[in-house]
PDB file of N, CA and C in Angstrom:
ATOM      1  N   MET A   1      14.188   9.464   0.079  1.00  0.00           N
ATOM      2  CA  MET A   1      14.306   8.414   1.070  1.00  0.00           C
ATOM      3  C   MET A   1      14.268   8.983   2.485  1.00  0.00           C
ATOM      4  N   GLN A   2      14.786  10.175   2.682  1.00  0.00           N
ATOM      5  CA  GLN A   2      14.757  10.777   4.009  1.00  0.00           C
ATOM      6  C   GLN A   2      13.328  10.957   4.511  1.00  0.00           C
ATOM      7  N   LYS A   3      12.426  11.268   3.598  1.00  0.00           N
ATOM      8  CA  LYS A   3      11.034  11.501   3.973  1.00  0.00           C
ATOM      9  C   LYS A   3      10.400  10.258   4.594  1.00  0.00           C
ATOM     10  N   TYR A   4      10.809   9.080   4.152  1.00  0.00           N
ATOM     11  CA  TYR A   4      10.196   7.829   4.602  1.00  0.00           C
ATOM     12  C   TYR A   4      11.138   6.984   5.451  1.00  0.00           C
ATOM     13  N   ARG A   5      12.156   7.590   6.033  1.00  0.00           N
ATOM     14  CA  ARG A   5      13.139   6.804   6.789  1.00  0.00           C
ATOM     15  C   ARG A   5      12.540   6.119   8.013  1.00  0.00           C
ATOM     16  N   ASP A   6      11.433   6.659   8.549  1.00  0.00           N
ATOM     17  CA  ASP A   6      10.791   6.033   9.707  1.00  0.00           C
ATOM     18  C   ASP A   6       9.814   4.932   9.299  1.00  0.00           C
ATOM     19  N   LEU A   7       9.727   4.651   8.011  1.00  0.00           N
ATOM     20  CA  LEU A   7       8.816   3.633   7.492  1.00  0.00           C
ATOM     21  C   LEU A   7       9.599   2.678   6.580  1.00  0.00           C
ATOM     22  N   PRO A   8      10.454   1.832   7.183  1.00  0.00           N
ATOM     23  CA  PRO A   8      11.272   0.944   6.357  1.00  0.00           C
ATOM     24  C   PRO A   8      10.426  -0.099   5.621  1.00  0.00           C
ATOM     25  N   MET A   9      10.892  -0.475   4.438  1.00  0.00           N
ATOM     26  CA  MET A   9      10.193  -1.482   3.639  1.00  0.00           C
ATOM     27  C   MET A   9      10.563  -2.869   4.162  1.00  0.00           C
ATOM     28  N   ASP A  10       9.552  -3.648   4.526  1.00  0.00           N
ATOM     29  CA  ASP A  10       9.824  -5.007   4.974  1.00  0.00           C
ATOM     30  C   ASP A  10       9.724  -5.974   3.793  1.00  0.00           C
ATOM     31  N   LEU A  11       9.974  -7.237   4.052  1.00  0.00           N
ATOM     32  CA  LEU A  11       9.993  -8.246   2.992  1.00  0.00           C
ATOM     33  C   LEU A  11       8.638  -8.370   2.301  1.00  0.00           C
ATOM     34  N   ALA A  12       7.552  -8.320   3.058  1.00  0.00           N
ATOM     35  CA  ALA A  12       6.212  -8.440   2.460  1.00  0.00           C
ATOM     36  C   ALA A  12       5.930  -7.275   1.518  1.00  0.00           C
ATOM     37  N   ASP A  13       6.265  -6.052   1.940  1.00  0.00           N
ATOM     38  CA  ASP A  13       6.044  -4.878   1.091  1.00  0.00           C
ATOM     39  C   ASP A  13       6.903  -4.939  -0.169  1.00  0.00           C
ATOM     40  N   ALA A  14       8.150  -5.326  -0.005  1.00  0.00           N
ATOM     41  CA  ALA A  14       9.048  -5.439  -1.158  1.00  0.00           C
ATOM     42  C   ALA A  14       8.534  -6.492  -2.136  1.00  0.00           C
ATOM     43  N   SER A  15       7.996  -7.583  -1.604  1.00  0.00           N
ATOM     44  CA  SER A  15       7.447  -8.637  -2.465  1.00  0.00           C
ATOM     45  C   SER A  15       6.262  -8.131  -3.277  1.00  0.00           C
ATOM     46  N   LEU A  16       5.399  -7.314  -2.654  1.00  0.00           N
ATOM     47  CA  LEU A  16       4.254  -6.756  -3.378  1.00  0.00           C
ATOM     48  C   LEU A  16       4.697  -5.843  -4.514  1.00  0.00           C
ATOM     49  N   VAL A  17       5.698  -5.019  -4.252  1.00  0.00           N
ATOM     50  CA  VAL A  17       6.197  -4.102  -5.282  1.00  0.00           C
ATOM     51  C   VAL A  17       6.796  -4.887  -6.448  1.00  0.00           C
ATOM     52  N   ILE A  18       7.610  -5.873  -6.148  1.00  0.00           N
ATOM     53  CA  ILE A  18       8.241  -6.680  -7.201  1.00  0.00           C
ATOM     54  C   ILE A  18       7.192  -7.466  -7.978  1.00  0.00           C
ATOM     55  N   LEU A  19       6.231  -8.053  -7.285  1.00  0.00           N
ATOM     56  CA  LEU A  19       5.178  -8.820  -7.950  1.00  0.00           C
ATOM     57  C   LEU A  19       4.335  -7.928  -8.857  1.00  0.00           C
ATOM     58  N   ALA A  20       4.033  -6.725  -8.412  1.00  0.00           N
ATOM     59  CA  ALA A  20       3.272  -5.782  -9.244  1.00  0.00           C
ATOM     60  C   ALA A  20       4.035  -5.467 -10.525  1.00  0.00           C
ATOM     61  N   GLU A  21       5.333  -5.260 -10.405  1.00  0.00           N
ATOM     62  CA  GLU A  21       6.157  -4.987 -11.583  1.00  0.00           C
ATOM     63  C   GLU A  21       6.146  -6.179 -12.541  1.00  0.00           C
ATOM     64  N   GLU A  22       6.294  -7.377 -11.984  1.00  0.00           N
ATOM     65  CA  GLU A  22       6.340  -8.583 -12.815  1.00  0.00           C
ATOM     66  C   GLU A  22       5.010  -8.852 -13.519  1.00  0.00           C
ATOM     67  N   LEU A  23       3.899  -8.639 -12.812  1.00  0.00           N
ATOM     68  CA  LEU A  23       2.577  -8.926 -13.371  1.00  0.00           C
ATOM     69  C   LEU A  23       1.994  -7.757 -14.158  1.00  0.00           C
ATOM     70  N   GLY A  24       2.580  -6.582 -14.002  1.00  0.00           N
ATOM     71  CA  GLY A  24       2.081  -5.408 -14.716  1.00  0.00           C
ATOM     72  C   GLY A  24       0.753  -4.905 -14.179  1.00  0.00           C
ATOM     73  N   SER A  25       0.536  -5.089 -12.881  1.00  0.00           N
ATOM     74  CA  SER A  25      -0.722  -4.655 -12.269  1.00  0.00           C
ATOM     75  C   SER A  25      -0.451  -4.089 -10.883  1.00  0.00           C
ATOM     76  N   GLY A  26      -1.085  -2.969 -10.583  1.00  0.00           N
ATOM     77  CA  GLY A  26      -0.939  -2.364  -9.271  1.00  0.00           C
ATOM     78  C   GLY A  26      -2.109  -2.646  -8.356  1.00  0.00           C
ATOM     79  N   GLN A  27      -2.987  -3.571  -8.749  1.00  0.00           N
ATOM     80  CA  GLN A  27      -4.121  -3.939  -7.902  1.00  0.00           C
ATOM     81  C   GLN A  27      -3.674  -5.028  -6.939  1.00  0.00           C
ATOM     82  N   ILE A  28      -3.718  -4.709  -5.643  1.00  0.00           N
ATOM     83  CA  ILE A  28      -3.282  -5.678  -4.647  1.00  0.00           C
ATOM     84  C   ILE A  28      -4.328  -5.800  -3.548  1.00  0.00           C
ATOM     85  N   LEU A  29      -4.234  -6.876  -2.807  1.00  0.00           N
ATOM     86  CA  LEU A  29      -5.118  -7.136  -1.677  1.00  0.00           C
ATOM     87  C   LEU A  29      -4.274  -7.024  -0.415  1.00  0.00           C
ATOM     88  N   SER A  30      -4.531  -6.015   0.389  1.00  0.00           N
ATOM     89  CA  SER A  30      -3.742  -5.796   1.597  1.00  0.00           C
ATOM     90  C   SER A  30      -4.562  -5.035   2.623  1.00  0.00           C
ATOM     91  N   VAL A  31      -4.308  -5.308   3.890  1.00  0.00           N
ATOM     92  CA  VAL A  31      -4.929  -4.533   4.960  1.00  0.00           C
ATOM     93  C   VAL A  31      -3.955  -3.488   5.496  1.00  0.00           C
ATOM     94  N   ASP A  32      -2.751  -3.496   4.981  1.00  0.00           N
ATOM     95  CA  ASP A  32      -1.689  -2.597   5.429  1.00  0.00           C
ATOM     96  C   ASP A  32      -1.705  -1.314   4.605  1.00  0.00           C
ATOM     97  N   TYR A  33      -2.731  -0.508   4.798  1.00  0.00           N
ATOM     98  CA  TYR A  33      -2.933   0.687   3.976  1.00  0.00           C
ATOM     99  C   TYR A  33      -1.803   1.696   4.140  1.00  0.00           C
ATOM    100  N   ARG A  34      -1.393   1.962   5.359  1.00  0.00           N
ATOM    101  CA  ARG A  34      -0.413   3.021   5.606  1.00  0.00           C
ATOM    102  C   ARG A  34       0.914   2.753   4.899  1.00  0.00           C
ATOM    103  N   ASP A  35       1.464   1.568   5.073  1.00  0.00           N
ATOM    104  CA  ASP A  35       2.756   1.258   4.454  1.00  0.00           C
ATOM    105  C   ASP A  35       2.649   1.154   2.942  1.00  0.00           C
ATOM    106  N   VAL A  36       1.732   0.345   2.473  1.00  0.00           N
ATOM    107  CA  VAL A  36       1.629   0.079   1.038  1.00  0.00           C
ATOM    108  C   VAL A  36       1.260   1.342   0.266  1.00  0.00           C
ATOM    109  N   ASN A  37       0.508   2.226   0.875  1.00  0.00           N
ATOM    110  CA  ASN A  37       0.105   3.453   0.202  1.00  0.00           C
ATOM    111  C   ASN A  37       1.285   4.386  -0.086  1.00  0.00           C
ATOM    112  N   THR A  38       2.400   4.218   0.608  1.00  0.00           N
ATOM    113  CA  THR A  38       3.567   5.069   0.357  1.00  0.00           C
ATOM    114  C   THR A  38       4.384   4.588  -0.829  1.00  0.00           C
ATOM    115  N   TYR A  39       4.254   3.324  -1.199  1.00  0.00           N
ATOM    116  CA  TYR A  39       5.050   2.760  -2.290  1.00  0.00           C
ATOM    117  C   TYR A  39       4.390   2.990  -3.637  1.00  0.00           C
ATOM    118  N   ARG A  40       5.190   2.938  -4.684  1.00  0.00           N
ATOM    119  CA  ARG A  40       4.706   3.138  -6.047  1.00  0.00           C
ATOM    120  C   ARG A  40       5.214   1.997  -6.924  1.00  0.00           C
ATOM    121  N   TRP A  41       4.374   1.592  -7.860  1.00  0.00           N
ATOM    122  CA  TRP A  41       4.833   0.622  -8.854  1.00  0.00           C
ATOM    123  C   TRP A  41       5.046   1.386 -10.142  1.00  0.00           C
ATOM    124  N   LYS A  42       5.890   0.885 -10.978  1.00  0.00           N
ATOM    125  CA  LYS A  42       6.359   1.613 -12.160  1.00  0.00           C
ATOM    126  C   LYS A  42       6.986   2.941 -11.736  1.00  0.00           C
ATOM    127  N   ASN A  43       7.441   3.001 -10.506  1.00  0.00           N
ATOM    128  CA  ASN A  43       8.108   4.159  -9.911  1.00  0.00           C
ATOM    129  C   ASN A  43       7.245   5.403  -9.789  1.00  0.00           C
ATOM    130  N   THR A  44       6.017   5.395 -10.280  1.00  0.00           N
ATOM    131  CA  THR A  44       5.203   6.609 -10.206  1.00  0.00           C
ATOM    132  C   THR A  44       3.760   6.371  -9.784  1.00  0.00           C
ATOM    133  N   GLU A  45       3.218   5.207 -10.042  1.00  0.00           N
ATOM    134  CA  GLU A  45       1.785   4.986  -9.837  1.00  0.00           C
ATOM    135  C   GLU A  45       1.486   4.352  -8.480  1.00  0.00           C
ATOM    136  N   PRO A  46       0.501   4.883  -7.745  1.00  0.00           N
ATOM    137  CA  PRO A  46       0.137   4.271  -6.467  1.00  0.00           C
ATOM    138  C   PRO A  46      -0.589   2.943  -6.681  1.00  0.00           C
ATOM    139  N   PHE A  47      -0.493   2.090  -5.695  1.00  0.00           N
ATOM    140  CA  PHE A  47      -1.217   0.824  -5.751  1.00  0.00           C
ATOM    141  C   PHE A  47      -2.709   1.056  -5.566  1.00  0.00           C
ATOM    142  N   GLN A  48      -3.502   0.178  -6.140  1.00  0.00           N
ATOM    143  CA  GLN A  48      -4.942   0.151  -5.891  1.00  0.00           C
ATOM    144  C   GLN A  48      -5.159  -0.936  -4.845  1.00  0.00           C
ATOM    145  N   ILE A  49      -5.300  -0.518  -3.603  1.00  0.00           N
ATOM    146  CA  ILE A  49      -5.372  -1.444  -2.480  1.00  0.00           C
ATOM    147  C   ILE A  49      -6.830  -1.808  -2.241  1.00  0.00           C
ATOM    148  N   LYS A  50      -7.214  -2.978  -2.664  1.00  0.00           N
ATOM    149  CA  LYS A  50      -8.625  -3.369  -2.675  1.00  0.00           C
ATOM    150  C   LYS A  50      -9.224  -3.557  -1.283  1.00  0.00           C
ATOM    151  N   LEU A  51      -8.665  -4.393  -0.459  1.00  0.00           N
ATOM    152  CA  LEU A  51      -9.244  -4.652   0.853  1.00  0.00           C
ATOM    153  C   LEU A  51      -9.092  -3.446   1.767  1.00  0.00           C
ATOM    154  N   ALA A  52      -7.971  -2.763   1.689  1.00  0.00           N
ATOM    155  CA  ALA A  52      -7.724  -1.620   2.563  1.00  0.00           C
ATOM    156  C   ALA A  52      -8.672  -0.470   2.268  1.00  0.00           C
ATOM    157  N   GLU A  53      -9.126  -0.329   1.028  1.00  0.00           N
ATOM    158  CA  GLU A  53     -10.063   0.749   0.704  1.00  0.00           C
ATOM    159  C   GLU A  53     -11.307   0.639   1.575  1.00  0.00           C
ATOM    160  N   ILE A  54     -11.822  -0.552   1.694  1.00  0.00           N
ATOM    161  CA  ILE A  54     -13.018  -0.781   2.495  1.00  0.00           C
ATOM    162  C   ILE A  54     -12.685  -0.646   3.980  1.00  0.00           C
ATOM    163  N   SER A  55     -11.613  -1.269   4.420  1.00  0.00           N
ATOM    164  CA  SER A  55     -11.239  -1.248   5.828  1.00  0.00           C
ATOM    165  C   SER A  55     -10.923   0.159   6.296  1.00  0.00           C
ATOM    166  N   TYR A  56     -10.186   0.914   5.493  1.00  0.00           N
ATOM    167  CA  TYR A  56      -9.790   2.263   5.876  1.00  0.00           C
ATOM    168  C   TYR A  56     -11.005   3.177   5.952  1.00  0.00           C
ATOM    169  N   GLN A  57     -11.921   3.051   5.024  1.00  0.00           N
ATOM    170  CA  GLN A  57     -13.132   3.871   5.054  1.00  0.00           C
ATOM    171  C   GLN A  57     -13.977   3.539   6.283  1.00  0.00           C
ATOM    172  N   GLU A  58     -14.080   2.276   6.625  1.00  0.00           N
ATOM    173  CA  GLU A  58     -14.829   1.882   7.814  1.00  0.00           C
ATOM    174  C   GLU A  58     -14.145   2.393   9.073  1.00  0.00           C
ATOM    175  N   TRP A  59     -12.827   2.337   9.098  1.00  0.00           N
ATOM    176  CA  TRP A  59     -12.071   2.828  10.247  1.00  0.00           C
ATOM    177  C   TRP A  59     -12.311   4.324  10.433  1.00  0.00           C
ATOM    178  N   LEU A  60     -12.261   5.080   9.336  1.00  0.00           N
ATOM    179  CA  LEU A  60     -12.508   6.519   9.420  1.00  0.00           C
ATOM    180  C   LEU A  60     -13.911   6.807   9.948  1.00  0.00           C
ATOM    181  N   LYS A  61     -14.875   6.042   9.468  1.00  0.00           N
ATOM    182  CA  LYS A  61     -16.258   6.232   9.895  1.00  0.00           C
ATOM    183  C   LYS A  61     -16.397   5.959  11.394  1.00  0.00           C
ATOM    184  N   ASN A  62     -15.695   4.960  11.893  1.00  0.00           N
ATOM    185  CA  ASN A  62     -15.784   4.588  13.304  1.00  0.00           C
ATOM    186  C   ASN A  62     -15.031   5.543  14.222  1.00  0.00           C
ATOM    187  N   GLN A  63     -14.141   6.358  13.689  1.00  0.00           N
ATOM    188  CA  GLN A  63     -13.394   7.303  14.515  1.00  0.00           C
ATOM    189  C   GLN A  63     -14.297   8.389  15.088  1.00  0.00           C
ATOM    190  N   GLY A  64     -15.393   8.680  14.413  1.00  0.00           N
ATOM    191  CA  GLY A  64     -16.318   9.705  14.872  1.00  0.00           C
ATOM    192  C   GLY A  64     -17.244   9.247  15.988  1.00  0.00           C
ATOM    193  N   GLU A  65     -17.261   7.956  16.276  1.00  0.00           N
ATOM    194  CA  GLU A  65     -18.191   7.409  17.286  1.00  0.00           C
ATOM    195  C   GLU A  65     -17.654   7.561  18.685  1.00  0.00           C
TER     196      GLU A  65
END
């Protein structure tokens, strides 16, 4: 917890984690790549962030311009 103390979990993030546990799926739709990428469902597995994958890759590509 000390490692992530500067990145508190808000209600939206907590809801995604709980919903993933309830539905048994770590595939989520979010643009919040940085926060959601730090959380794990089933306590070990990272989320598969569908929208952020595209957005984050485009953002990285645009950083070089």
